[in-house]
PDB file of N, CA and C in Angstrom:
ATOM      1  N   MET A   1     103.834 221.865  92.122  1.00  0.00           N
ATOM      2  CA  MET A   1     102.173 221.058  91.857  1.00  0.00           C
ATOM      3  C   MET A   1     102.289 219.464  92.728  1.00  0.00           C
ATOM      4  N   ALA A   2     101.349 219.083  92.352  1.00  0.00           N
ATOM      5  CA  ALA A   2     101.387 217.855  93.251  1.00  0.00           C
ATOM      6  C   ALA A   2     101.324 216.861  92.264  1.00  0.00           C
ATOM      7  N   SER A   3     101.934 215.891  93.240  1.00  0.00           N
ATOM      8  CA  SER A   3     102.518 214.490  92.159  1.00  0.00           C
ATOM      9  C   SER A   3     101.068 213.691  92.036  1.00  0.00           C
ATOM     10  N   LYS A   4     100.804 213.061  90.944  1.00  0.00           N
ATOM     11  CA  LYS A   4      99.820 212.132  90.440  1.00  0.00           C
ATOM     12  C   LYS A   4      99.506 211.448  91.599  1.00  0.00           C
ATOM     13  N   ALA A   5     100.567 210.799  92.300  1.00  0.00           N
ATOM     14  CA  ALA A   5     100.061 209.916  93.622  1.00  0.00           C
ATOM     15  C   ALA A   5      99.575 210.598  94.248  1.00  0.00           C
ATOM     16  N   ALA A   6     100.108 212.379  95.246  1.00  0.00           N
ATOM     17  CA  ALA A   6      99.112 212.901  95.671  1.00  0.00           C
ATOM     18  C   ALA A   6      97.416 213.292  95.539  1.00  0.00           C
ATOM     19  N   GLU A   7      97.503 213.482  94.205  1.00  0.00           N
ATOM     20  CA  GLU A   7      96.099 213.362  93.588  1.00  0.00           C
ATOM     21  C   GLU A   7      95.475 212.074  93.481  1.00  0.00           C
ATOM     22  N   LEU A   8      95.814 211.482  93.288  1.00  0.00           N
ATOM     23  CA  LEU A   8      95.145 210.072  93.839  1.00  0.00           C
ATOM     24  C   LEU A   8      94.617 209.730  95.375  1.00  0.00           C
ATOM     25  N   VAL A   9      95.353 210.032  96.083  1.00  0.00           N
ATOM     26  CA  VAL A   9      95.051 210.073  97.288  1.00  0.00           C
ATOM     27  C   VAL A   9      94.249 210.860  98.228  1.00  0.00           C
ATOM     28  N   GLU A  10      94.609 212.036  96.900  1.00  0.00           N
ATOM     29  CA  GLU A  10      93.592 213.449  97.826  1.00  0.00           C
ATOM     30  C   GLU A  10      92.008 212.806  97.324  1.00  0.00           C
ATOM     31  N   TYR A  11      92.117 212.402  96.194  1.00  0.00           N
ATOM     32  CA  TYR A  11      91.029 211.945  95.482  1.00  0.00           C
ATOM     33  C   TYR A  11      89.834 210.869  96.354  1.00  0.00           C
ATOM     34  N   VAL A  12      90.561 209.810  96.781  1.00  0.00           N
ATOM     35  CA  VAL A  12      90.279 208.368  97.400  1.00  0.00           C
ATOM     36  C   VAL A  12      89.589 208.864  98.572  1.00  0.00           C
ATOM     37  N   ALA A  13      90.434 210.102  99.062  1.00  0.00           N
ATOM     38  CA  ALA A  13      90.794 210.409 100.556  1.00  0.00           C
ATOM     39  C   ALA A  13      88.736 211.055 100.587  1.00  0.00           C
ATOM     40  N   LYS A  14      88.804 212.122  99.906  1.00  0.00           N
ATOM     41  CA  LYS A  14      87.871 213.049  99.772  1.00  0.00           C
ATOM     42  C   LYS A  14      86.592 212.318  99.136  1.00  0.00           C
ATOM     43  N   ALA A  15      86.568 210.959  98.414  1.00  0.00           N
ATOM     44  CA  ALA A  15      85.197 210.365  98.699  1.00  0.00           C
ATOM     45  C   ALA A  15      85.085 209.565  99.532  1.00  0.00           C
ATOM     46  N   LEU A  16      85.638 209.617 100.815  1.00  0.00           N
ATOM     47  CA  LEU A  16      85.117 208.971 101.817  1.00  0.00           C
ATOM     48  C   LEU A  16      84.902 209.565 103.297  1.00  0.00           C
ATOM     49  N   VAL A  17      85.524 210.849 102.898  1.00  0.00           N
ATOM     50  CA  VAL A  17      85.024 211.869 104.407  1.00  0.00           C
ATOM     51  C   VAL A  17      83.904 212.626 104.408  1.00  0.00           C
ATOM     52  N   GLY A  18      83.246 213.422 105.582  1.00  0.00           N
ATOM     53  CA  GLY A  18      82.281 214.217 105.112  1.00  0.00           C
ATOM     54  C   GLY A  18      82.635 215.644 105.152  1.00  0.00           C
ATOM     55  N   ASP A  19      83.919 216.106 105.670  1.00  0.00           N
ATOM     56  CA  ASP A  19      84.430 217.325 105.291  1.00  0.00           C
ATOM     57  C   ASP A  19      85.449 217.341 103.861  1.00  0.00           C
ATOM     58  N   ARG A  20      84.607 217.425 102.802  1.00  0.00           N
ATOM     59  CA  ARG A  20      85.820 217.236 101.657  1.00  0.00           C
ATOM     60  C   ARG A  20      86.812 218.413 101.864  1.00  0.00           C
ATOM     61  N   GLU A  21      86.950 219.761 102.454  1.00  0.00           N
ATOM     62  CA  GLU A  21      87.275 220.844 102.312  1.00  0.00           C
ATOM     63  C   GLU A  21      88.594 220.632 103.466  1.00  0.00           C
ATOM     64  N   ALA A  22      88.653 219.767 104.509  1.00  0.00           N
ATOM     65  CA  ALA A  22      89.606 219.757 105.413  1.00  0.00           C
ATOM     66  C   ALA A  22      90.962 218.781 105.072  1.00  0.00           C
ATOM     67  N   VAL A  23      90.740 217.858 103.751  1.00  0.00           N
ATOM     68  CA  VAL A  23      91.547 216.952 103.279  1.00  0.00           C
ATOM     69  C   VAL A  23      92.738 217.795 102.750  1.00  0.00           C
ATOM     70  N   ARG A  24      93.683 217.069 103.186  1.00  0.00           N
ATOM     71  CA  ARG A  24      95.054 217.514 102.807  1.00  0.00           C
ATOM     72  C   ARG A  24      96.254 216.611 102.382  1.00  0.00           C
ATOM     73  N   VAL A  25      96.866 216.442 101.305  1.00  0.00           N
ATOM     74  CA  VAL A  25      97.880 215.622 101.464  1.00  0.00           C
ATOM     75  C   VAL A  25      99.092 216.604 100.949  1.00  0.00           C
ATOM     76  N   ARG A  26     100.185 216.297 101.546  1.00  0.00           N
ATOM     77  CA  ARG A  26     101.506 216.863 101.621  1.00  0.00           C
ATOM     78  C   ARG A  26     102.325 215.714 101.391  1.00  0.00           C
ATOM     79  N   GLU A  27     103.809 215.809 100.378  1.00  0.00           N
ATOM     80  CA  GLU A  27     104.744 215.066 100.296  1.00  0.00           C
ATOM     81  C   GLU A  27     105.945 215.798 101.016  1.00  0.00           C
ATOM     82  N   GLN A  28     106.571 214.428 101.846  1.00  0.00           N
ATOM     83  CA  GLN A  28     107.332 214.878 102.439  1.00  0.00           C
ATOM     84  C   GLN A  28     108.499 213.925 102.120  1.00  0.00           C
ATOM     85  N   ASP A  29     110.014 214.089 102.342  1.00  0.00           N
ATOM     86  CA  ASP A  29     110.908 213.564 101.673  1.00  0.00           C
ATOM     87  C   ASP A  29     110.859 212.932 100.843  1.00  0.00           C
ATOM     88  N   GLY A  30     109.800 213.678  99.824  1.00  0.00           N
ATOM     89  CA  GLY A  30     110.457 212.870  98.198  1.00  0.00           C
ATOM     90  C   GLY A  30     109.484 211.427  98.170  1.00  0.00           C
ATOM     91  N   ASN A  31     109.869 210.822  98.897  1.00  0.00           N
ATOM     92  CA  ASN A  31     108.703 209.556  98.450  1.00  0.00           C
ATOM     93  C   ASN A  31     107.912 209.375  99.971  1.00  0.00           C
ATOM     94  N   LEU A  32     107.088 210.374 100.961  1.00  0.00           N
ATOM     95  CA  LEU A  32     106.222 209.942 101.897  1.00  0.00           C
ATOM     96  C   LEU A  32     105.171 210.641 101.493  1.00  0.00           C
ATOM     97  N   LEU A  33     103.907 210.669 101.582  1.00  0.00           N
ATOM     98  CA  LEU A  33     102.950 211.417 101.495  1.00  0.00           C
ATOM     99  C   LEU A  33     102.283 211.055 103.197  1.00  0.00           C
ATOM    100  N   GLU A  34     101.666 212.704 103.373  1.00  0.00           N
ATOM    101  CA  GLU A  34     100.909 212.717 104.689  1.00  0.00           C
ATOM    102  C   GLU A  34      99.466 212.983 104.852  1.00  0.00           C
ATOM    103  N   LEU A  35      98.703 212.341 105.112  1.00  0.00           N
ATOM    104  CA  LEU A  35      97.352 212.408 104.819  1.00  0.00           C
ATOM    105  C   LEU A  35      96.813 213.474 106.137  1.00  0.00           C
ATOM    106  N   GLU A  36      96.265 214.412 105.893  1.00  0.00           N
ATOM    107  CA  GLU A  36      95.281 214.876 107.403  1.00  0.00           C
ATOM    108  C   GLU A  36      94.172 215.285 106.347  1.00  0.00           C
ATOM    109  N   THR A  37      93.062 214.906 107.739  1.00  0.00           N
ATOM    110  CA  THR A  37      91.585 214.956 107.669  1.00  0.00           C
ATOM    111  C   THR A  37      91.388 215.706 108.749  1.00  0.00           C
ATOM    112  N   ALA A  38      89.564 215.874 108.748  1.00  0.00           N
ATOM    113  CA  ALA A  38      89.087 216.499 109.972  1.00  0.00           C
ATOM    114  C   ALA A  38      88.873 215.326 111.058  1.00  0.00           C
ATOM    115  N   PRO A  39      89.287 216.026 112.493  1.00  0.00           N
ATOM    116  CA  PRO A  39      89.156 214.820 113.367  1.00  0.00           C
ATOM    117  C   PRO A  39      88.194 213.594 113.399  1.00  0.00           C
ATOM    118  N   ASP A  40      86.862 214.462 113.043  1.00  0.00           N
ATOM    119  CA  ASP A  40      85.759 213.550 112.952  1.00  0.00           C
ATOM    120  C   ASP A  40      85.534 212.504 111.869  1.00  0.00           C
ATOM    121  N   ASP A  41      86.865 213.290 110.652  1.00  0.00           N
ATOM    122  CA  ASP A  41      86.744 211.862 109.750  1.00  0.00           C
ATOM    123  C   ASP A  41      87.656 211.164 109.567  1.00  0.00           C
ATOM    124  N   ARG A  42      88.685 211.158 110.773  1.00  0.00           N
ATOM    125  CA  ARG A  42      89.925 210.326 110.598  1.00  0.00           C
ATOM    126  C   ARG A  42      89.726 208.659 110.646  1.00  0.00           C
ATOM    127  N   GLY A  43      88.598 208.460 111.741  1.00  0.00           N
ATOM    128  CA  GLY A  43      88.261 207.076 111.520  1.00  0.00           C
ATOM    129  C   GLY A  43      87.774 206.877 110.199  1.00  0.00           C
ATOM    130  N   ARG A  44      87.360 207.261 109.234  1.00  0.00           N
ATOM    131  CA  ARG A  44      86.540 207.002 107.905  1.00  0.00           C
ATOM    132  C   ARG A  44      87.864 206.621 107.145  1.00  0.00           C
ATOM    133  N   VAL A  45      89.098 207.596 107.057  1.00  0.00           N
ATOM    134  CA  VAL A  45      90.118 206.938 106.567  1.00  0.00           C
ATOM    135  C   VAL A  45      91.161 205.825 107.038  1.00  0.00           C
ATOM    136  N   ILE A  46      90.930 205.824 108.091  1.00  0.00           N
ATOM    137  CA  ILE A  46      91.391 204.290 109.181  1.00  0.00           C
ATOM    138  C   ILE A  46      90.793 203.205 108.789  1.00  0.00           C
ATOM    139  N   GLY A  47      89.564 203.179 108.881  1.00  0.00           N
ATOM    140  CA  GLY A  47      88.429 201.886 109.027  1.00  0.00           C
ATOM    141  C   GLY A  47      88.601 201.467 110.138  1.00  0.00           C
ATOM    142  N   ARG A  48      87.960 200.407 110.096  1.00  0.00           N
ATOM    143  CA  ARG A  48      87.996 199.268 111.222  1.00  0.00           C
ATOM    144  C   ARG A  48      89.169 198.315 111.154  1.00  0.00           C
ATOM    145  N   GLN A  49      90.042 198.311 112.102  1.00  0.00           N
ATOM    146  CA  GLN A  49      91.449 197.761 112.003  1.00  0.00           C
ATOM    147  C   GLN A  49      92.397 197.752 111.065  1.00  0.00           C
ATOM    148  N   GLY A  50      92.190 198.983 110.992  1.00  0.00           N
ATOM    149  CA  GLY A  50      92.883 199.556 109.556  1.00  0.00           C
ATOM    150  C   GLY A  50      93.277 199.259 108.095  1.00  0.00           C
ATOM    151  N   ARG A  51      91.695 198.738 107.758  1.00  0.00           N
ATOM    152  CA  ARG A  51      91.249 198.252 106.628  1.00  0.00           C
ATOM    153  C   ARG A  51      91.083 199.196 105.463  1.00  0.00           C
ATOM    154  N   VAL A  52      90.328 200.225 106.136  1.00  0.00           N
ATOM    155  CA  VAL A  52      90.451 201.365 104.726  1.00  0.00           C
ATOM    156  C   VAL A  52      91.949 201.862 104.247  1.00  0.00           C
ATOM    157  N   ALA A  53      92.528 202.327 105.434  1.00  0.00           N
ATOM    158  CA  ALA A  53      94.272 202.693 105.442  1.00  0.00           C
ATOM    159  C   ALA A  53      94.998 201.286 104.358  1.00  0.00           C
ATOM    160  N   LYS A  54      94.809 200.571 104.931  1.00  0.00           N
ATOM    161  CA  LYS A  54      95.840 199.436 104.096  1.00  0.00           C
ATOM    162  C   LYS A  54      94.969 199.595 102.574  1.00  0.00           C
ATOM    163  N   ALA A  55      94.136 199.407 102.536  1.00  0.00           N
ATOM    164  CA  ALA A  55      93.144 199.366 101.245  1.00  0.00           C
ATOM    165  C   ALA A  55      93.966 200.574 100.424  1.00  0.00           C
ATOM    166  N   MET A  56      94.008 201.680 100.811  1.00  0.00           N
ATOM    167  CA  MET A  56      94.547 202.998 100.107  1.00  0.00           C
ATOM    168  C   MET A  56      96.050 202.846  99.711  1.00  0.00           C
ATOM    169  N   ARG A  57      96.576 202.393 100.722  1.00  0.00           N
ATOM    170  CA  ARG A  57      98.579 202.000 100.422  1.00  0.00           C
ATOM    171  C   ARG A  57      98.259 201.203  99.173  1.00  0.00           C
ATOM    172  N   LEU A  58      97.343 200.074  99.302  1.00  0.00           N
ATOM    173  CA  LEU A  58      97.263 199.285  98.175  1.00  0.00           C
ATOM    174  C   LEU A  58      97.075 199.501  96.831  1.00  0.00           C
ATOM    175  N   VAL A  59      96.425 200.699  96.854  1.00  0.00           N
ATOM    176  CA  VAL A  59      95.362 200.531  95.658  1.00  0.00           C
ATOM    177  C   VAL A  59      97.012 202.107  95.324  1.00  0.00           C
ATOM    178  N   LEU A  60      97.690 202.949  96.186  1.00  0.00           N
ATOM    179  CA  LEU A  60      98.765 203.581  95.654  1.00  0.00           C
ATOM    180  C   LEU A  60      99.966 202.985  95.121  1.00  0.00           C
ATOM    181  N   ALA A  61     100.125 201.788  95.750  1.00  0.00           N
ATOM    182  CA  ALA A  61     101.520 201.061  95.658  1.00  0.00           C
ATOM    183  C   ALA A  61     100.812 200.466  94.100  1.00  0.00           C
ATOM    184  N   ALA A  62      99.967 200.124  94.278  1.00  0.00           N
ATOM    185  CA  ALA A  62      99.461 199.288  92.609  1.00  0.00           C
ATOM    186  C   ALA A  62      99.632 200.241  90.825  1.00  0.00           C
ATOM    187  N   SER A  63      99.353 201.688  91.701  1.00  0.00           N
ATOM    188  CA  SER A  63      99.638 202.928  90.328  1.00  0.00           C
ATOM    189  C   SER A  63     100.529 202.790  89.873  1.00  0.00           C
ATOM    190  N   ARG A  64     100.532 203.232  88.868  1.00  0.00           N
ATOM    191  CA  ARG A  64     101.904 203.600  88.178  1.00  0.00           C
ATOM    192  C   ARG A  64     102.580 204.776  88.763  1.00  0.00           C
ATOM    193  N   SER A  65     102.010 205.538  89.316  1.00  0.00           N
ATOM    194  CA  SER A  65     102.410 206.895  89.646  1.00  0.00           C
ATOM    195  C   SER A  65     102.904 206.819  91.175  1.00  0.00           C
ATOM    196  N   GLY A  66     102.367 205.839  92.152  1.00  0.00           N
ATOM    197  CA  GLY A  66     102.209 206.148  93.187  1.00  0.00           C
ATOM    198  C   GLY A  66     103.193 204.257  93.898  1.00  0.00           C
ATOM    199  N   ALA A  67     103.479 203.691  92.832  1.00  0.00           N
ATOM    200  CA  ALA A  67     104.571 202.802  93.462  1.00  0.00           C
ATOM    201  C   ALA A  67     105.957 203.175  94.324  1.00  0.00           C
ATOM    202  N   ASP A  68     106.402 204.098  94.432  1.00  0.00           N
ATOM    203  CA  ASP A  68     107.349 204.793  95.211  1.00  0.00           C
ATOM    204  C   ASP A  68     107.184 205.323  96.612  1.00  0.00           C
ATOM    205  N   TYR A  69     105.634 205.390  96.896  1.00  0.00           N
ATOM    206  CA  TYR A  69     105.286 206.492  97.937  1.00  0.00           C
ATOM    207  C   TYR A  69     104.862 205.655  98.786  1.00  0.00           C
ATOM    208  N   SER A  70     104.707 205.914  99.976  1.00  0.00           N
ATOM    209  CA  SER A  70     104.203 205.095 101.228  1.00  0.00           C
ATOM    210  C   SER A  70     103.148 206.186 101.964  1.00  0.00           C
ATOM    211  N   LEU A  71     102.074 206.275 102.576  1.00  0.00           N
ATOM    212  CA  LEU A  71     101.227 206.672 102.874  1.00  0.00           C
ATOM    213  C   LEU A  71     100.957 206.792 104.278  1.00  0.00           C
ATOM    214  N   GLU A  72     100.610 207.963 105.092  1.00  0.00           N
ATOM    215  CA  GLU A  72     101.067 207.865 106.162  1.00  0.00           C
ATOM    216  C   GLU A  72      99.639 208.981 106.809  1.00  0.00           C
ATOM    217  N   ILE A  73      98.951 208.506 107.868  1.00  0.00           N
ATOM    218  CA  ILE A  73      97.825 209.232 108.154  1.00  0.00           C
ATOM    219  C   ILE A  73      98.239 210.335 109.290  1.00  0.00           C
ATOM    220  N   VAL A  74      97.833 211.021 109.476  1.00  0.00           N
ATOM    221  CA  VAL A  74      98.620 212.075 110.630  1.00  0.00           C
ATOM    222  C   VAL A  74      97.487 212.981 111.030  1.00  0.00           C
ATOM    223  N   ASP A  75      97.616 213.171 112.379  1.00  0.00           N
ATOM    224  CA  ASP A  75      96.706 213.864 113.231  1.00  0.00           C
ATOM    225  C   ASP A  75      96.469 215.112 113.325  1.00  0.00           C
TER     226      ASP A  75
END
């Protein structure tokens, strides 16, 4: 069962990308979330100069369930 933090990241990522089916969020080492998207959508979740990724990390840190998690966007 996915944690609430993983569900939050998945929800936000699916709102940003074109290929919603390619979005995957995996929990690693207990407090690391890895976000994987289609190669064409990776730029959308990173944003210019990393602004979107930084905003996603900020929302995750501000949420009750995601305060202890960190987010990594993987290839």
